[in-house]
Amino acid sequence: MVRARTETGKQGGNLPPLSLHVPEPPYRPGDAVDYSHLVIPPAGAQPRPDESCAAAETHPLCLDLIRVLGEDHRAVGPWDPKLDP
């Protein structure tokens, strides 16, 4: 029985050929960017955790966008530290 040799010279032949899929990016350099597919929550919608809380309590914040500034460019909701100018 004769076995086929691979390109590296090793015997084998029952392995499927390798393939690589490179996804097409939605935008290329120079294209106009459109963010309409993103869901952007209103400013102050995410709760602000206590500074002394356990790290596990902040995990939900890692999975969402946190908007602190409103349309007037000021902090709103629980994220407003109420600092004087």
PDB file of N, CA and C in Angstrom:
ATOM      1  N   MET A   1       0.842  -1.172   0.000  1.00  0.00           N
ATOM      2  CA  MET A   1       0.000   0.000   0.000  1.00  0.00           C
ATOM      3  C   MET A   1       0.894   1.245   0.000  1.00  0.00           C
ATOM      4  N   VAL A   2       0.573   2.213  -0.837  1.00  0.00           N
ATOM      5  CA  VAL A   2       1.343   3.448  -0.946  1.00  0.00           C
ATOM      6  C   VAL A   2       0.541   4.572  -0.310  1.00  0.00           C
ATOM      7  N   ARG A   3       1.179   5.303   0.573  1.00  0.00           N
ATOM      8  CA  ARG A   3       0.505   6.437   1.220  1.00  0.00           C
ATOM      9  C   ARG A   3       0.974   7.729   0.566  1.00  0.00           C
ATOM     10  N   ALA A   4       0.048   8.672   0.439  1.00  0.00           N
ATOM     11  CA  ALA A   4       0.399   9.970  -0.153  1.00  0.00           C
ATOM     12  C   ALA A   4       1.157  10.803   0.869  1.00  0.00           C
ATOM     13  N   ARG A   5       2.061  11.580   0.385  1.00  0.00           N
ATOM     14  CA  ARG A   5       2.808  12.474   1.252  1.00  0.00           C
ATOM     15  C   ARG A   5       2.231  13.888   1.123  1.00  0.00           C
ATOM     16  N   THR A   6       2.195  14.579   2.253  1.00  0.00           N
ATOM     17  CA  THR A   6       1.704  15.957   2.254  1.00  0.00           C
ATOM     18  C   THR A   6       2.804  16.883   1.787  1.00  0.00           C
ATOM     19  N   GLU A   7       2.507  18.179   1.698  1.00  0.00           N
ATOM     20  CA  GLU A   7       3.497  19.149   1.225  1.00  0.00           C
ATOM     21  C   GLU A   7       4.707  19.208   2.143  1.00  0.00           C
ATOM     22  N   THR A   8       4.510  18.886   3.432  1.00  0.00           N
ATOM     23  CA  THR A   8       5.634  18.940   4.361  1.00  0.00           C
ATOM     24  C   THR A   8       6.454  17.659   4.322  1.00  0.00           C
ATOM     25  N   GLY A   9       6.022  16.664   3.559  1.00  0.00           N
ATOM     26  CA  GLY A   9       6.766  15.426   3.448  1.00  0.00           C
ATOM     27  C   GLY A   9       6.304  14.342   4.401  1.00  0.00           C
ATOM     28  N   LYS A  10       5.371  14.645   5.306  1.00  0.00           N
ATOM     29  CA  LYS A  10       4.882  13.649   6.246  1.00  0.00           C
ATOM     30  C   LYS A  10       3.790  12.826   5.592  1.00  0.00           C
ATOM     31  N   GLN A  11       3.668  11.597   6.036  1.00  0.00           N
ATOM     32  CA  GLN A  11       2.624  10.751   5.501  1.00  0.00           C
ATOM     33  C   GLN A  11       1.287  11.119   6.120  1.00  0.00           C
ATOM     34  N   GLY A  12       0.247  10.956   5.389  1.00  0.00           N
ATOM     35  CA  GLY A  12      -1.097  11.276   5.842  1.00  0.00           C
ATOM     36  C   GLY A  12      -1.974  11.419   4.625  1.00  0.00           C
ATOM     37  N   GLY A  13      -3.082  12.033   4.776  1.00  0.00           N
ATOM     38  CA  GLY A  13      -3.935  12.232   3.622  1.00  0.00           C
ATOM     39  C   GLY A  13      -5.404  12.164   3.968  1.00  0.00           C
ATOM     40  N   ASN A  14      -5.716  11.773   5.203  1.00  0.00           N
ATOM     41  CA  ASN A  14      -7.118  11.698   5.598  1.00  0.00           C
ATOM     42  C   ASN A  14      -7.621  13.006   6.194  1.00  0.00           C
ATOM     43  N   LEU A  15      -6.765  13.982   6.363  1.00  0.00           N
ATOM     44  CA  LEU A  15      -7.173  15.246   6.952  1.00  0.00           C
ATOM     45  C   LEU A  15      -7.795  16.143   5.890  1.00  0.00           C
ATOM     46  N   PRO A  16      -8.857  16.863   6.261  1.00  0.00           N
ATOM     47  CA  PRO A  16      -9.451  17.774   5.278  1.00  0.00           C
ATOM     48  C   PRO A  16      -8.519  18.953   5.026  1.00  0.00           C
ATOM     49  N   PRO A  17      -8.614  19.561   3.865  1.00  0.00           N
ATOM     50  CA  PRO A  17      -7.756  20.716   3.595  1.00  0.00           C
ATOM     51  C   PRO A  17      -8.124  21.874   4.523  1.00  0.00           C
ATOM     52  N   LEU A  18      -7.137  22.648   4.886  1.00  0.00           N
ATOM     53  CA  LEU A  18      -7.370  23.789   5.757  1.00  0.00           C
ATOM     54  C   LEU A  18      -8.013  24.922   4.967  1.00  0.00           C
ATOM     55  N   SER A  19      -8.819  25.709   5.664  1.00  0.00           N
ATOM     56  CA  SER A  19      -9.420  26.882   5.018  1.00  0.00           C
ATOM     57  C   SER A  19      -9.405  28.039   6.006  1.00  0.00           C
ATOM     58  N   LEU A  20      -9.413  29.217   5.481  1.00  0.00           N
ATOM     59  CA  LEU A  20      -9.391  30.412   6.295  1.00  0.00           C
ATOM     60  C   LEU A  20     -10.457  31.359   5.772  1.00  0.00           C
ATOM     61  N   HIS A  21     -11.338  31.804   6.657  1.00  0.00           N
ATOM     62  CA  HIS A  21     -12.373  32.767   6.287  1.00  0.00           C
ATOM     63  C   HIS A  21     -12.031  34.109   6.904  1.00  0.00           C
ATOM     64  N   VAL A  22     -11.886  35.119   6.079  1.00  0.00           N
ATOM     65  CA  VAL A  22     -11.634  36.476   6.549  1.00  0.00           C
ATOM     66  C   VAL A  22     -12.905  37.265   6.284  1.00  0.00           C
ATOM     67  N   PRO A  23     -13.617  37.685   7.342  1.00  0.00           N
ATOM     68  CA  PRO A  23     -14.870  38.405   7.113  1.00  0.00           C
ATOM     69  C   PRO A  23     -14.632  39.761   6.471  1.00  0.00           C
ATOM     70  N   GLU A  24     -15.572  40.159   5.656  1.00  0.00           N
ATOM     71  CA  GLU A  24     -15.491  41.461   4.994  1.00  0.00           C
ATOM     72  C   GLU A  24     -15.905  42.542   5.973  1.00  0.00           C
ATOM     73  N   PRO A  25     -15.080  43.565   6.193  1.00  0.00           N
ATOM     74  CA  PRO A  25     -15.466  44.631   7.122  1.00  0.00           C
ATOM     75  C   PRO A  25     -16.608  45.449   6.529  1.00  0.00           C
ATOM     76  N   PRO A  26     -17.478  46.004   7.390  1.00  0.00           N
ATOM     77  CA  PRO A  26     -18.596  46.786   6.858  1.00  0.00           C
ATOM     78  C   PRO A  26     -18.148  48.087   6.191  1.00  0.00           C
ATOM     79  N   TYR A  27     -16.985  48.599   6.570  1.00  0.00           N
ATOM     80  CA  TYR A  27     -16.495  49.852   6.003  1.00  0.00           C
ATOM     81  C   TYR A  27     -15.029  49.699   5.646  1.00  0.00           C
ATOM     82  N   ARG A  28     -14.631  50.377   4.625  1.00  0.00           N
ATOM     83  CA  ARG A  28     -13.237  50.400   4.192  1.00  0.00           C
ATOM     84  C   ARG A  28     -12.687  51.802   4.428  1.00  0.00           C
ATOM     85  N   PRO A  29     -11.378  51.963   4.520  1.00  0.00           N
ATOM     86  CA  PRO A  29     -10.819  53.305   4.693  1.00  0.00           C
ATOM     87  C   PRO A  29     -11.303  54.244   3.590  1.00  0.00           C
ATOM     88  N   GLY A  30     -11.772  55.399   4.017  1.00  0.00           N
ATOM     89  CA  GLY A  30     -12.274  56.378   3.067  1.00  0.00           C
ATOM     90  C   GLY A  30     -13.779  56.332   2.888  1.00  0.00           C
ATOM     91  N   ASP A  31     -14.448  55.240   3.292  1.00  0.00           N
ATOM     92  CA  ASP A  31     -15.900  55.152   3.189  1.00  0.00           C
ATOM     93  C   ASP A  31     -16.550  56.034   4.248  1.00  0.00           C
ATOM     94  N   ALA A  32     -17.756  56.496   3.945  1.00  0.00           N
ATOM     95  CA  ALA A  32     -18.543  57.203   4.955  1.00  0.00           C
ATOM     96  C   ALA A  32     -19.049  56.175   5.962  1.00  0.00           C
ATOM     97  N   VAL A  33     -18.883  56.448   7.249  1.00  0.00           N
ATOM     98  CA  VAL A  33     -19.267  55.504   8.291  1.00  0.00           C
ATOM     99  C   VAL A  33     -20.711  55.779   8.719  1.00  0.00           C
ATOM    100  N   ASP A  34     -21.476  54.702   8.911  1.00  0.00           N
ATOM    101  CA  ASP A  34     -22.872  54.821   9.326  1.00  0.00           C
ATOM    102  C   ASP A  34     -23.055  53.997  10.597  1.00  0.00           C
ATOM    103  N   TYR A  35     -23.429  54.655  11.693  1.00  0.00           N
ATOM    104  CA  TYR A  35     -23.620  53.976  12.968  1.00  0.00           C
ATOM    105  C   TYR A  35     -25.096  53.729  13.274  1.00  0.00           C
ATOM    106  N   SER A  36     -25.947  53.792  12.282  1.00  0.00           N
ATOM    107  CA  SER A  36     -27.384  53.650  12.529  1.00  0.00           C
ATOM    108  C   SER A  36     -27.765  52.248  13.013  1.00  0.00           C
ATOM    109  N   HIS A  37     -26.905  51.259  12.834  1.00  0.00           N
ATOM    110  CA  HIS A  37     -27.203  49.905  13.280  1.00  0.00           C
ATOM    111  C   HIS A  37     -26.966  49.719  14.786  1.00  0.00           C
ATOM    112  N   LEU A  38     -26.323  50.688  15.432  1.00  0.00           N
ATOM    113  CA  LEU A  38     -26.048  50.593  16.859  1.00  0.00           C
ATOM    114  C   LEU A  38     -27.221  51.104  17.685  1.00  0.00           C
ATOM    115  N   VAL A  39     -27.506  50.407  18.768  1.00  0.00           N
ATOM    116  CA  VAL A  39     -28.525  50.859  19.710  1.00  0.00           C
ATOM    117  C   VAL A  39     -27.797  51.661  20.789  1.00  0.00           C
ATOM    118  N   ILE A  40     -28.060  52.955  20.840  1.00  0.00           N
ATOM    119  CA  ILE A  40     -27.392  53.824  21.798  1.00  0.00           C
ATOM    120  C   ILE A  40     -28.404  54.219  22.862  1.00  0.00           C
ATOM    121  N   PRO A  41     -28.180  53.782  24.112  1.00  0.00           N
ATOM    122  CA  PRO A  41     -29.138  54.098  25.177  1.00  0.00           C
ATOM    123  C   PRO A  41     -29.095  55.577  25.537  1.00  0.00           C
ATOM    124  N   PRO A  42     -30.147  56.074  26.154  1.00  0.00           N
ATOM    125  CA  PRO A  42     -30.114  57.476  26.588  1.00  0.00           C
ATOM    126  C   PRO A  42     -29.082  57.678  27.694  1.00  0.00           C
ATOM    127  N   ALA A  43     -28.599  58.904  27.809  1.00  0.00           N
ATOM    128  CA  ALA A  43     -27.603  59.223  28.840  1.00  0.00           C
ATOM    129  C   ALA A  43     -28.196  59.014  30.223  1.00  0.00           C
ATOM    130  N   GLY A  44     -27.425  58.410  31.107  1.00  0.00           N
ATOM    131  CA  GLY A  44     -27.861  58.169  32.478  1.00  0.00           C
ATOM    132  C   GLY A  44     -28.732  56.935  32.650  1.00  0.00           C
ATOM    133  N   ALA A  45     -28.933  56.146  31.604  1.00  0.00           N
ATOM    134  CA  ALA A  45     -29.806  54.974  31.697  1.00  0.00           C
ATOM    135  C   ALA A  45     -29.172  53.836  32.508  1.00  0.00           C
ATOM    136  N   GLN A  46     -27.849  53.715  32.454  1.00  0.00           N
ATOM    137  CA  GLN A  46     -27.179  52.652  33.204  1.00  0.00           C
ATOM    138  C   GLN A  46     -27.036  53.055  34.662  1.00  0.00           C
ATOM    139  N   PRO A  47     -27.271  52.120  35.575  1.00  0.00           N
ATOM    140  CA  PRO A  47     -27.071  52.447  36.995  1.00  0.00           C
ATOM    141  C   PRO A  47     -25.585  52.606  37.302  1.00  0.00           C
ATOM    142  N   ARG A  48     -25.303  53.472  38.252  1.00  0.00           N
ATOM    143  CA  ARG A  48     -23.918  53.677  38.665  1.00  0.00           C
ATOM    144  C   ARG A  48     -23.675  52.862  39.930  1.00  0.00           C
ATOM    145  N   PRO A  49     -22.724  51.923  39.881  1.00  0.00           N
ATOM    146  CA  PRO A  49     -22.460  51.115  41.070  1.00  0.00           C
ATOM    147  C   PRO A  49     -21.727  51.917  42.138  1.00  0.00           C
ATOM    148  N   ASP A  50     -21.836  51.460  43.347  1.00  0.00           N
ATOM    149  CA  ASP A  50     -21.104  52.074  44.457  1.00  0.00           C
ATOM    150  C   ASP A  50     -19.610  51.823  44.250  1.00  0.00           C
ATOM    151  N   GLU A  51     -18.794  52.788  44.597  1.00  0.00           N
ATOM    152  CA  GLU A  51     -17.352  52.649  44.400  1.00  0.00           C
ATOM    153  C   GLU A  51     -16.750  51.503  45.196  1.00  0.00           C
ATOM    154  N   SER A  52     -17.392  51.131  46.297  1.00  0.00           N
ATOM    155  CA  SER A  52     -16.842  50.069  47.143  1.00  0.00           C
ATOM    156  C   SER A  52     -17.473  48.707  46.864  1.00  0.00           C
ATOM    157  N   CYS A  53     -18.248  48.572  45.793  1.00  0.00           N
ATOM    158  CA  CYS A  53     -18.900  47.292  45.510  1.00  0.00           C
ATOM    159  C   CYS A  53     -17.884  46.276  44.978  1.00  0.00           C
ATOM    160  N   ALA A  54     -18.289  45.026  45.004  1.00  0.00           N
ATOM    161  CA  ALA A  54     -17.434  43.956  44.479  1.00  0.00           C
ATOM    162  C   ALA A  54     -17.362  44.070  42.958  1.00  0.00           C
ATOM    163  N   ALA A  55     -16.256  43.641  42.398  1.00  0.00           N
ATOM    164  CA  ALA A  55     -16.062  43.734  40.948  1.00  0.00           C
ATOM    165  C   ALA A  55     -17.138  42.967  40.186  1.00  0.00           C
ATOM    166  N   ALA A  56     -17.630  41.864  40.733  1.00  0.00           N
ATOM    167  CA  ALA A  56     -18.656  41.060  40.059  1.00  0.00           C
ATOM    168  C   ALA A  56     -19.945  41.856  39.844  1.00  0.00           C
ATOM    169  N   GLU A  57     -20.206  42.824  40.693  1.00  0.00           N
ATOM    170  CA  GLU A  57     -21.423  43.628  40.546  1.00  0.00           C
ATOM    171  C   GLU A  57     -21.337  44.582  39.356  1.00  0.00           C
ATOM    172  N   THR A  58     -20.154  44.860  38.866  1.00  0.00           N
ATOM    173  CA  THR A  58     -20.003  45.771  37.730  1.00  0.00           C
ATOM    174  C   THR A  58     -19.977  45.043  36.396  1.00  0.00           C
ATOM    175  N   HIS A  59     -20.074  43.722  36.413  1.00  0.00           N
ATOM    176  CA  HIS A  59     -20.003  42.951  35.178  1.00  0.00           C
ATOM    177  C   HIS A  59     -21.057  43.356  34.145  1.00  0.00           C
ATOM    178  N   PRO A  60     -22.313  43.613  34.498  1.00  0.00           N
ATOM    179  CA  PRO A  60     -23.283  44.019  33.467  1.00  0.00           C
ATOM    180  C   PRO A  60     -22.882  45.302  32.735  1.00  0.00           C
ATOM    181  N   LEU A  61     -22.109  46.156  33.377  1.00  0.00           N
ATOM    182  CA  LEU A  61     -21.679  47.386  32.727  1.00  0.00           C
ATOM    183  C   LEU A  61     -20.654  47.119  31.628  1.00  0.00           C
ATOM    184  N   CYS A  62     -20.005  45.966  31.672  1.00  0.00           N
ATOM    185  CA  CYS A  62     -19.020  45.615  30.649  1.00  0.00           C
ATOM    186  C   CYS A  62     -19.672  45.240  29.326  1.00  0.00           C
ATOM    187  N   LEU A  63     -20.947  44.935  29.356  1.00  0.00           N
ATOM    188  CA  LEU A  63     -21.635  44.412  28.181  1.00  0.00           C
ATOM    189  C   LEU A  63     -22.507  45.445  27.488  1.00  0.00           C
ATOM    190  N   ASP A  64     -22.475  46.687  27.910  1.00  0.00           N
ATOM    191  CA  ASP A  64     -23.345  47.702  27.352  1.00  0.00           C
ATOM    192  C   ASP A  64     -22.586  49.013  27.223  1.00  0.00           C
ATOM    193  N   LEU A  65     -23.171  49.925  26.480  1.00  0.00           N
ATOM    194  CA  LEU A  65     -22.603  51.256  26.334  1.00  0.00           C
ATOM    195  C   LEU A  65     -23.092  52.127  27.483  1.00  0.00           C
ATOM    196  N   ILE A  66     -22.173  52.807  28.137  1.00  0.00           N
ATOM    197  CA  ILE A  66     -22.534  53.684  29.253  1.00  0.00           C
ATOM    198  C   ILE A  66     -22.422  55.116  28.767  1.00  0.00           C
ATOM    199  N   ARG A  67     -23.563  55.769  28.685  1.00  0.00           N
ATOM    200  CA  ARG A  67     -23.562  57.184  28.307  1.00  0.00           C
ATOM    201  C   ARG A  67     -23.692  58.014  29.558  1.00  0.00           C
ATOM    202  N   VAL A  68     -22.746  58.886  29.773  1.00  0.00           N
ATOM    203  CA  VAL A  68     -22.727  59.753  30.945  1.00  0.00           C
ATOM    204  C   VAL A  68     -23.204  61.149  30.565  1.00  0.00           C
ATOM    205  N   LEU A  69     -22.811  61.634  29.390  1.00  0.00           N
ATOM    206  CA  LEU A  69     -23.131  62.988  28.961  1.00  0.00           C
ATOM    207  C   LEU A  69     -24.383  63.014  28.106  1.00  0.00           C
ATOM    208  N   GLY A  70     -25.254  63.963  28.391  1.00  0.00           N
ATOM    209  CA  GLY A  70     -26.461  64.152  27.602  1.00  0.00           C
ATOM    210  C   GLY A  70     -26.174  65.000  26.378  1.00  0.00           C
ATOM    211  N   GLU A  71     -27.233  65.362  25.667  1.00  0.00           N
ATOM    212  CA  GLU A  71     -27.086  66.177  24.467  1.00  0.00           C
ATOM    213  C   GLU A  71     -26.521  67.564  24.778  1.00  0.00           C
ATOM    214  N   ASP A  72     -26.679  68.022  26.018  1.00  0.00           N
ATOM    215  CA  ASP A  72     -26.143  69.329  26.421  1.00  0.00           C
ATOM    216  C   ASP A  72     -24.704  69.226  26.932  1.00  0.00           C
ATOM    217  N   HIS A  73     -24.083  68.045  26.773  1.00  0.00           N
ATOM    218  CA  HIS A  73     -22.692  67.794  27.153  1.00  0.00           C
ATOM    219  C   HIS A  73     -22.462  67.897  28.656  1.00  0.00           C
ATOM    220  N   ARG A  74     -23.483  67.553  29.426  1.00  0.00           N
ATOM    221  CA  ARG A  74     -23.371  67.554  30.889  1.00  0.00           C
ATOM    222  C   ARG A  74     -23.718  66.153  31.397  1.00  0.00           C
ATOM    223  N   ALA A  75     -23.083  65.768  32.504  1.00  0.00           N
ATOM    224  CA  ALA A  75     -23.379  64.474  33.109  1.00  0.00           C
ATOM    225  C   ALA A  75     -24.817  64.471  33.617  1.00  0.00           C
ATOM    226  N   VAL A  76     -25.506  63.353  33.415  1.00  0.00           N
ATOM    227  CA  VAL A  76     -26.908  63.257  33.821  1.00  0.00           C
ATOM    228  C   VAL A  76     -27.133  61.998  34.644  1.00  0.00           C
ATOM    229  N   GLY A  77     -28.252  61.970  35.331  1.00  0.00           N
ATOM    230  CA  GLY A  77     -28.659  60.792  36.083  1.00  0.00           C
ATOM    231  C   GLY A  77     -27.701  60.451  37.205  1.00  0.00           C
ATOM    232  N   PRO A  78     -27.550  59.169  37.491  1.00  0.00           N
ATOM    233  CA  PRO A  78     -26.690  58.758  38.615  1.00  0.00           C
ATOM    234  C   PRO A  78     -25.204  59.019  38.367  1.00  0.00           C
ATOM    235  N   TRP A  79     -24.830  59.351  37.154  1.00  0.00           N
ATOM    236  CA  TRP A  79     -23.420  59.591  36.839  1.00  0.00           C
ATOM    237  C   TRP A  79     -23.019  61.033  37.067  1.00  0.00           C
ATOM    238  N   ASP A  80     -23.978  61.909  37.401  1.00  0.00           N
ATOM    239  CA  ASP A  80     -23.673  63.320  37.635  1.00  0.00           C
ATOM    240  C   ASP A  80     -23.055  63.461  39.020  1.00  0.00           C
ATOM    241  N   PRO A  81     -21.768  63.850  39.122  1.00  0.00           N
ATOM    242  CA  PRO A  81     -21.135  63.957  40.446  1.00  0.00           C
ATOM    243  C   PRO A  81     -21.491  65.234  41.187  1.00  0.00           C
ATOM    244  N   LYS A  82     -22.259  66.132  40.573  1.00  0.00           N
ATOM    245  CA  LYS A  82     -22.689  67.390  41.195  1.00  0.00           C
ATOM    246  C   LYS A  82     -21.486  68.236  41.626  1.00  0.00           C
ATOM    247  N   LEU A  83     -20.492  68.314  40.748  1.00  0.00           N
ATOM    248  CA  LEU A  83     -19.310  69.138  41.029  1.00  0.00           C
ATOM    249  C   LEU A  83     -19.569  70.569  40.594  1.00  0.00           C
ATOM    250  N   ASP A  84     -19.073  71.517  41.373  1.00  0.00           N
ATOM    251  CA  ASP A  84     -19.203  72.899  40.941  1.00  0.00           C
ATOM    252  C   ASP A  84     -18.095  73.203  39.917  1.00  0.00           C
ATOM    253  N   PRO A  85     -18.382  74.155  39.012  1.00  0.00           N
ATOM    254  CA  PRO A  85     -17.426  74.415  37.928  1.00  0.00           C
ATOM    255  C   PRO A  85     -16.057  74.792  38.447  1.00  0.00           C
TER     256      PRO A  85
END
